[in-house]
Amino acid sequence: MEEVVVTRKGQVTIPVKLRRKFKITESSKVQIVEEDGKIVIKKQPSFLDLIGSGVGKATVEEVKKMLDEMRAEDAE
């Protein structure tokens, strides 16, 4: 567990060890949420982090069909 100090403006610094572990860089976005009475900082996944996350969940044909259905709904 790392201890950090909250600044006058409510800012905290994420320790470098954790920034490296979770690949949090200068332009990264994080979410601050409350869970079970605790403040939790979660890295918000970027578009690049999601690449490949859907592998094996649908065929190309199924994805095309879903896109066609969504486009038809939008056109209505």
PDB file of N, CA and C in Angstrom:
ATOM      1  N   MET A   1       0.851  -1.168   0.000  1.00  0.00           N
ATOM      2  CA  MET A   1       0.000   0.000   0.000  1.00  0.00           C
ATOM      3  C   MET A   1       0.900   1.234   0.000  1.00  0.00           C
ATOM      4  N   GLU A   2       0.544   2.174  -0.852  1.00  0.00           N
ATOM      5  CA  GLU A   2       1.277   3.432  -0.967  1.00  0.00           C
ATOM      6  C   GLU A   2       0.491   4.532  -0.276  1.00  0.00           C
ATOM      7  N   GLU A   3       1.187   5.420   0.391  1.00  0.00           N
ATOM      8  CA  GLU A   3       0.536   6.564   1.027  1.00  0.00           C
ATOM      9  C   GLU A   3       0.865   7.814   0.222  1.00  0.00           C
ATOM     10  N   VAL A   4      -0.159   8.591  -0.095  1.00  0.00           N
ATOM     11  CA  VAL A   4       0.028   9.837  -0.840  1.00  0.00           C
ATOM     12  C   VAL A   4      -0.630  10.966  -0.073  1.00  0.00           C
ATOM     13  N   VAL A   5      -0.241  12.194  -0.399  1.00  0.00           N
ATOM     14  CA  VAL A   5      -0.783  13.372   0.261  1.00  0.00           C
ATOM     15  C   VAL A   5      -1.756  14.069  -0.684  1.00  0.00           C
ATOM     16  N   VAL A   6      -2.879  14.508  -0.143  1.00  0.00           N
ATOM     17  CA  VAL A   6      -3.853  15.259  -0.923  1.00  0.00           C
ATOM     18  C   VAL A   6      -3.451  16.732  -0.863  1.00  0.00           C
ATOM     19  N   THR A   7      -3.374  17.387  -2.042  1.00  0.00           N
ATOM     20  CA  THR A   7      -3.000  18.798  -2.075  1.00  0.00           C
ATOM     21  C   THR A   7      -4.197  19.673  -1.720  1.00  0.00           C
ATOM     22  N   ARG A   8      -3.935  20.951  -1.591  1.00  0.00           N
ATOM     23  CA  ARG A   8      -4.978  21.937  -1.300  1.00  0.00           C
ATOM     24  C   ARG A   8      -6.103  21.868  -2.315  1.00  0.00           C
ATOM     25  N   LYS A   9      -5.766  21.545  -3.551  1.00  0.00           N
ATOM     26  CA  LYS A   9      -6.756  21.479  -4.626  1.00  0.00           C
ATOM     27  C   LYS A   9      -7.408  20.095  -4.738  1.00  0.00           C
ATOM     28  N   GLY A  10      -7.121  19.207  -3.812  1.00  0.00           N
ATOM     29  CA  GLY A  10      -7.715  17.872  -3.839  1.00  0.00           C
ATOM     30  C   GLY A  10      -7.006  16.907  -4.773  1.00  0.00           C
ATOM     31  N   GLN A  11      -5.798  17.242  -5.202  1.00  0.00           N
ATOM     32  CA  GLN A  11      -5.072  16.389  -6.138  1.00  0.00           C
ATOM     33  C   GLN A  11      -4.198  15.382  -5.394  1.00  0.00           C
ATOM     34  N   VAL A  12      -4.045  14.214  -5.997  1.00  0.00           N
ATOM     35  CA  VAL A  12      -3.125  13.202  -5.476  1.00  0.00           C
ATOM     36  C   VAL A  12      -2.238  12.734  -6.619  1.00  0.00           C
ATOM     37  N   THR A  13      -1.061  12.250  -6.278  1.00  0.00           N
ATOM     38  CA  THR A  13      -0.151  11.712  -7.282  1.00  0.00           C
ATOM     39  C   THR A  13      -0.184  10.192  -7.199  1.00  0.00           C
ATOM     40  N   ILE A  14      -0.420   9.549  -8.329  1.00  0.00           N
ATOM     41  CA  ILE A  14      -0.394   8.090  -8.372  1.00  0.00           C
ATOM     42  C   ILE A  14       1.071   7.681  -8.400  1.00  0.00           C
ATOM     43  N   PRO A  15       1.501   6.850  -7.463  1.00  0.00           N
ATOM     44  CA  PRO A  15       2.912   6.453  -7.412  1.00  0.00           C
ATOM     45  C   PRO A  15       3.385   5.839  -8.735  1.00  0.00           C
ATOM     46  N   VAL A  16       4.639   6.120  -9.063  1.00  0.00           N
ATOM     47  CA  VAL A  16       5.202   5.700 -10.349  1.00  0.00           C
ATOM     48  C   VAL A  16       5.109   4.186 -10.544  1.00  0.00           C
ATOM     49  N   LYS A  17       5.304   3.420  -9.472  1.00  0.00           N
ATOM     50  CA  LYS A  17       5.231   1.955  -9.570  1.00  0.00           C
ATOM     51  C   LYS A  17       3.857   1.517 -10.082  1.00  0.00           C
ATOM     52  N   LEU A  18       2.803   2.146  -9.588  1.00  0.00           N
ATOM     53  CA  LEU A  18       1.448   1.799 -10.018  1.00  0.00           C
ATOM     54  C   LEU A  18       1.147   2.347 -11.404  1.00  0.00           C
ATOM     55  N   ARG A  19       1.652   3.544 -11.718  1.00  0.00           N
ATOM     56  CA  ARG A  19       1.448   4.090 -13.070  1.00  0.00           C
ATOM     57  C   ARG A  19       2.079   3.173 -14.104  1.00  0.00           C
ATOM     58  N   ARG A  20       3.257   2.670 -13.813  1.00  0.00           N
ATOM     59  CA  ARG A  20       3.921   1.753 -14.760  1.00  0.00           C
ATOM     60  C   ARG A  20       3.163   0.432 -14.873  1.00  0.00           C
ATOM     61  N   LYS A  21       2.753  -0.108 -13.727  1.00  0.00           N
ATOM     62  CA  LYS A  21       2.054  -1.400 -13.714  1.00  0.00           C
ATOM     63  C   LYS A  21       0.769  -1.345 -14.527  1.00  0.00           C
ATOM     64  N   PHE A  22       0.021  -0.243 -14.396  1.00  0.00           N
ATOM     65  CA  PHE A  22      -1.269  -0.125 -15.072  1.00  0.00           C
ATOM     66  C   PHE A  22      -1.200   0.702 -16.349  1.00  0.00           C
ATOM     67  N   LYS A  23       0.026   1.025 -16.775  1.00  0.00           N
ATOM     68  CA  LYS A  23       0.264   1.775 -18.020  1.00  0.00           C
ATOM     69  C   LYS A  23      -0.536   3.071 -18.047  1.00  0.00           C
ATOM     70  N   ILE A  24      -0.470   3.829 -16.956  1.00  0.00           N
ATOM     71  CA  ILE A  24      -1.124   5.130 -16.867  1.00  0.00           C
ATOM     72  C   ILE A  24      -0.102   6.183 -17.255  1.00  0.00           C
ATOM     73  N   THR A  25      -0.353   6.857 -18.366  1.00  0.00           N
ATOM     74  CA  THR A  25       0.565   7.874 -18.860  1.00  0.00           C
ATOM     75  C   THR A  25      -0.093   9.248 -18.741  1.00  0.00           C
ATOM     76  N   GLU A  26       0.621  10.260 -19.179  1.00  0.00           N
ATOM     77  CA  GLU A  26       0.140  11.638 -19.053  1.00  0.00           C
ATOM     78  C   GLU A  26      -1.246  11.844 -19.647  1.00  0.00           C
ATOM     79  N   SER A  27      -1.542  11.196 -20.741  1.00  0.00           N
ATOM     80  CA  SER A  27      -2.847  11.420 -21.395  1.00  0.00           C
ATOM     81  C   SER A  27      -3.905  10.389 -20.992  1.00  0.00           C
ATOM     82  N   SER A  28      -3.567   9.474 -20.112  1.00  0.00           N
ATOM     83  CA  SER A  28      -4.521   8.455 -19.680  1.00  0.00           C
ATOM     84  C   SER A  28      -5.668   9.091 -18.908  1.00  0.00           C
ATOM     85  N   LYS A  29      -6.816   8.429 -18.971  1.00  0.00           N
ATOM     86  CA  LYS A  29      -7.971   8.871 -18.196  1.00  0.00           C
ATOM     87  C   LYS A  29      -8.253   7.824 -17.135  1.00  0.00           C
ATOM     88  N   VAL A  30      -8.641   8.290 -15.951  1.00  0.00           N
ATOM     89  CA  VAL A  30      -9.011   7.388 -14.877  1.00  0.00           C
ATOM     90  C   VAL A  30     -10.396   7.756 -14.382  1.00  0.00           C
ATOM     91  N   GLN A  31     -11.050   6.801 -13.762  1.00  0.00           N
ATOM     92  CA  GLN A  31     -12.359   7.029 -13.172  1.00  0.00           C
ATOM     93  C   GLN A  31     -12.194   6.980 -11.659  1.00  0.00           C
ATOM     94  N   ILE A  32     -12.856   7.900 -10.971  1.00  0.00           N
ATOM     95  CA  ILE A  32     -12.866   7.903  -9.520  1.00  0.00           C
ATOM     96  C   ILE A  32     -14.270   7.479  -9.103  1.00  0.00           C
ATOM     97  N   VAL A  33     -14.374   6.348  -8.411  1.00  0.00           N
ATOM     98  CA  VAL A  33     -15.674   5.827  -8.020  1.00  0.00           C
ATOM     99  C   VAL A  33     -15.676   5.465  -6.539  1.00  0.00           C
ATOM    100  N   GLU A  34     -16.869   5.404  -5.990  1.00  0.00           N
ATOM    101  CA  GLU A  34     -17.018   4.946  -4.606  1.00  0.00           C
ATOM    102  C   GLU A  34     -17.539   3.521  -4.644  1.00  0.00           C
ATOM    103  N   GLU A  35     -16.849   2.637  -3.937  1.00  0.00           N
ATOM    104  CA  GLU A  35     -17.271   1.240  -3.855  1.00  0.00           C
ATOM    105  C   GLU A  35     -17.190   0.794  -2.405  1.00  0.00           C
ATOM    106  N   ASP A  36     -18.312   0.430  -1.857  1.00  0.00           N
ATOM    107  CA  ASP A  36     -18.363  -0.059  -0.474  1.00  0.00           C
ATOM    108  C   ASP A  36     -17.696   0.903   0.501  1.00  0.00           C
ATOM    109  N   GLY A  37     -17.978   2.195   0.338  1.00  0.00           N
ATOM    110  CA  GLY A  37     -17.441   3.196   1.251  1.00  0.00           C
ATOM    111  C   GLY A  37     -15.976   3.533   1.036  1.00  0.00           C
ATOM    112  N   LYS A  38     -15.410   3.107  -0.090  1.00  0.00           N
ATOM    113  CA  LYS A  38     -14.007   3.375  -0.404  1.00  0.00           C
ATOM    114  C   LYS A  38     -13.917   4.166  -1.698  1.00  0.00           C
ATOM    115  N   ILE A  39     -12.892   4.987  -1.807  1.00  0.00           N
ATOM    116  CA  ILE A  39     -12.618   5.700  -3.052  1.00  0.00           C
ATOM    117  C   ILE A  39     -11.698   4.818  -3.878  1.00  0.00           C
ATOM    118  N   VAL A  40     -12.100   4.526  -5.123  1.00  0.00           N
ATOM    119  CA  VAL A  40     -11.329   3.639  -5.990  1.00  0.00           C
ATOM    120  C   VAL A  40     -10.979   4.386  -7.271  1.00  0.00           C
ATOM    121  N   ILE A  41      -9.718   4.300  -7.681  1.00  0.00           N
ATOM    122  CA  ILE A  41      -9.264   4.889  -8.946  1.00  0.00           C
ATOM    123  C   ILE A  41      -9.129   3.752  -9.941  1.00  0.00           C
ATOM    124  N   LYS A  42      -9.851   3.856 -11.066  1.00  0.00           N
ATOM    125  CA  LYS A  42      -9.800   2.821 -12.104  1.00  0.00           C
ATOM    126  C   LYS A  42      -9.312   3.440 -13.399  1.00  0.00           C
ATOM    127  N   LYS A  43      -8.391   2.751 -14.071  1.00  0.00           N
ATOM    128  CA  LYS A  43      -7.952   3.232 -15.373  1.00  0.00           C
ATOM    129  C   LYS A  43      -9.098   3.035 -16.358  1.00  0.00           C
ATOM    130  N   GLN A  44      -9.401   4.082 -17.095  1.00  0.00           N
ATOM    131  CA  GLN A  44     -10.434   3.994 -18.125  1.00  0.00           C
ATOM    132  C   GLN A  44      -9.758   3.448 -19.369  1.00  0.00           C
ATOM    133  N   PRO A  45     -10.227   2.319 -19.880  1.00  0.00           N
ATOM    134  CA  PRO A  45      -9.555   1.741 -21.045  1.00  0.00           C
ATOM    135  C   PRO A  45      -9.663   2.645 -22.265  1.00  0.00           C
ATOM    136  N   SER A  46      -8.576   2.730 -23.006  1.00  0.00           N
ATOM    137  CA  SER A  46      -8.592   3.494 -24.250  1.00  0.00           C
ATOM    138  C   SER A  46      -9.077   2.583 -25.374  1.00  0.00           C
ATOM    139  N   PHE A  47      -9.326   3.170 -26.510  1.00  0.00           N
ATOM    140  CA  PHE A  47      -9.744   2.396 -27.677  1.00  0.00           C
ATOM    141  C   PHE A  47      -8.713   1.310 -27.988  1.00  0.00           C
ATOM    142  N   LEU A  48      -7.442   1.649 -27.883  1.00  0.00           N
ATOM    143  CA  LEU A  48      -6.379   0.684 -28.193  1.00  0.00           C
ATOM    144  C   LEU A  48      -6.347  -0.462 -27.192  1.00  0.00           C
ATOM    145  N   ASP A  49      -6.713  -0.200 -25.938  1.00  0.00           N
ATOM    146  CA  ASP A  49      -6.755  -1.262 -24.938  1.00  0.00           C
ATOM    147  C   ASP A  49      -7.813  -2.309 -25.269  1.00  0.00           C
ATOM    148  N   LEU A  50      -8.845  -1.916 -26.002  1.00  0.00           N
ATOM    149  CA  LEU A  50      -9.961  -2.814 -26.295  1.00  0.00           C
ATOM    150  C   LEU A  50      -9.748  -3.665 -27.538  1.00  0.00           C
ATOM    151  N   ILE A  51      -8.703  -3.377 -28.299  1.00  0.00           N
ATOM    152  CA  ILE A  51      -8.452  -4.133 -29.530  1.00  0.00           C
ATOM    153  C   ILE A  51      -8.273  -5.609 -29.196  1.00  0.00           C
ATOM    154  N   GLY A  52      -9.037  -6.448 -29.839  1.00  0.00           N
ATOM    155  CA  GLY A  52      -8.944  -7.885 -29.648  1.00  0.00           C
ATOM    156  C   GLY A  52      -9.781  -8.415 -28.495  1.00  0.00           C
ATOM    157  N   SER A  53     -10.440  -7.545 -27.754  1.00  0.00           N
ATOM    158  CA  SER A  53     -11.195  -8.007 -26.590  1.00  0.00           C
ATOM    159  C   SER A  53     -12.445  -8.793 -26.970  1.00  0.00           C
ATOM    160  N   GLY A  54     -12.893  -8.684 -28.204  1.00  0.00           N
ATOM    161  CA  GLY A  54     -14.094  -9.391 -28.619  1.00  0.00           C
ATOM    162  C   GLY A  54     -13.814 -10.618 -29.453  1.00  0.00           C
ATOM    163  N   VAL A  55     -12.555 -11.019 -29.528  1.00  0.00           N
ATOM    164  CA  VAL A  55     -12.181 -12.157 -30.361  1.00  0.00           C
ATOM    165  C   VAL A  55     -12.928 -13.406 -29.915  1.00  0.00           C
ATOM    166  N   GLY A  56     -13.551 -14.078 -30.878  1.00  0.00           N
ATOM    167  CA  GLY A  56     -14.249 -15.321 -30.609  1.00  0.00           C
ATOM    168  C   GLY A  56     -15.664 -15.159 -30.095  1.00  0.00           C
ATOM    169  N   LYS A  57     -16.122 -13.927 -29.913  1.00  0.00           N
ATOM    170  CA  LYS A  57     -17.467 -13.715 -29.382  1.00  0.00           C
ATOM    171  C   LYS A  57     -18.518 -13.647 -30.476  1.00  0.00           C
ATOM    172  N   ALA A  58     -18.114 -13.345 -31.704  1.00  0.00           N
ATOM    173  CA  ALA A  58     -19.054 -13.291 -32.822  1.00  0.00           C
ATOM    174  C   ALA A  58     -18.264 -13.444 -34.115  1.00  0.00           C
ATOM    175  N   THR A  59     -18.934 -14.007 -35.124  1.00  0.00           N
ATOM    176  CA  THR A  59     -18.281 -14.134 -36.423  1.00  0.00           C
ATOM    177  C   THR A  59     -18.396 -12.796 -37.160  1.00  0.00           C
ATOM    178  N   VAL A  60     -17.624 -12.645 -38.196  1.00  0.00           N
ATOM    179  CA  VAL A  60     -17.682 -11.427 -39.004  1.00  0.00           C
ATOM    180  C   VAL A  60     -19.085 -11.247 -39.561  1.00  0.00           C
ATOM    181  N   GLU A  61     -19.691 -12.319 -40.000  1.00  0.00           N
ATOM    182  CA  GLU A  61     -21.041 -12.256 -40.555  1.00  0.00           C
ATOM    183  C   GLU A  61     -22.049 -11.784 -39.502  1.00  0.00           C
ATOM    184  N   GLU A  62     -21.916 -12.272 -38.261  1.00  0.00           N
ATOM    185  CA  GLU A  62     -22.823 -11.856 -37.186  1.00  0.00           C
ATOM    186  C   GLU A  62     -22.671 -10.377 -36.867  1.00  0.00           C
ATOM    187  N   VAL A  63     -21.440  -9.913 -36.868  1.00  0.00           N
ATOM    188  CA  VAL A  63     -21.189  -8.493 -36.594  1.00  0.00           C
ATOM    189  C   VAL A  63     -21.785  -7.629 -37.700  1.00  0.00           C
ATOM    190  N   LYS A  64     -21.592  -8.050 -38.960  1.00  0.00           N
ATOM    191  CA  LYS A  64     -22.166  -7.298 -40.086  1.00  0.00           C
ATOM    192  C   LYS A  64     -23.682  -7.246 -39.992  1.00  0.00           C
ATOM    193  N   LYS A  65     -24.302  -8.381 -39.611  1.00  0.00           N
ATOM    194  CA  LYS A  65     -25.750  -8.427 -39.469  1.00  0.00           C
ATOM    195  C   LYS A  65     -26.214  -7.471 -38.374  1.00  0.00           C
ATOM    196  N   MET A  66     -25.506  -7.460 -37.222  1.00  0.00           N
ATOM    197  CA  MET A  66     -25.867  -6.557 -36.123  1.00  0.00           C
ATOM    198  C   MET A  66     -25.735  -5.096 -36.555  1.00  0.00           C
ATOM    199  N   LEU A  67     -24.672  -4.785 -37.291  1.00  0.00           N
ATOM    200  CA  LEU A  67     -24.484  -3.416 -37.777  1.00  0.00           C
ATOM    201  C   LEU A  67     -25.604  -3.015 -38.729  1.00  0.00           C
ATOM    202  N   ASP A  68     -25.975  -3.922 -39.630  1.00  0.00           N
ATOM    203  CA  ASP A  68     -27.074  -3.644 -40.553  1.00  0.00           C
ATOM    204  C   ASP A  68     -28.378  -3.387 -39.799  1.00  0.00           C
ATOM    205  N   GLU A  69     -28.634  -4.178 -38.757  1.00  0.00           N
ATOM    206  CA  GLU A  69     -29.845  -4.001 -37.953  1.00  0.00           C
ATOM    207  C   GLU A  69     -29.832  -2.649 -37.224  1.00  0.00           C
ATOM    208  N   MET A  70     -28.678  -2.275 -36.688  1.00  0.00           N
ATOM    209  CA  MET A  70     -28.575  -0.993 -35.979  1.00  0.00           C
ATOM    210  C   MET A  70     -28.745   0.178 -36.945  1.00  0.00           C
ATOM    211  N   ARG A  71     -28.181   0.028 -38.149  1.00  0.00           N
ATOM    212  CA  ARG A  71     -28.340   1.093 -39.155  1.00  0.00           C
ATOM    213  C   ARG A  71     -29.799   1.215 -39.553  1.00  0.00           C
ATOM    214  N   ALA A  72     -30.490   0.087 -39.696  1.00  0.00           N
ATOM    215  CA  ALA A  72     -31.908   0.134 -40.063  1.00  0.00           C
ATOM    216  C   ALA A  72     -32.734   0.797 -38.960  1.00  0.00           C
ATOM    217  N   GLU A  73     -32.410   0.523 -37.714  1.00  0.00           N
ATOM    218  CA  GLU A  73     -33.104   1.165 -36.588  1.00  0.00           C
ATOM    219  C   GLU A  73     -32.873   2.678 -36.590  1.00  0.00           C
ATOM    220  N   ASP A  74     -31.636   3.085 -36.869  1.00  0.00           N
ATOM    221  CA  ASP A  74     -31.317   4.519 -36.914  1.00  0.00           C
ATOM    222  C   ASP A  74     -32.038   5.227 -38.046  1.00  0.00           C
ATOM    223  N   ALA A  75     -32.268   4.519 -39.154  1.00  0.00           N
ATOM    224  CA  ALA A  75     -32.909   5.111 -40.320  1.00  0.00           C
ATOM    225  C   ALA A  75     -34.406   5.330 -40.084  1.00  0.00           C
ATOM    226  N   GLU A  76     -34.982   4.588 -39.148  1.00  0.00           N
ATOM    227  CA  GLU A  76     -36.433   4.694 -38.896  1.00  0.00           C
ATOM    228  C   GLU A  76     -36.797   6.002 -38.231  1.00  0.00           C
TER     229      GLU A  76
END
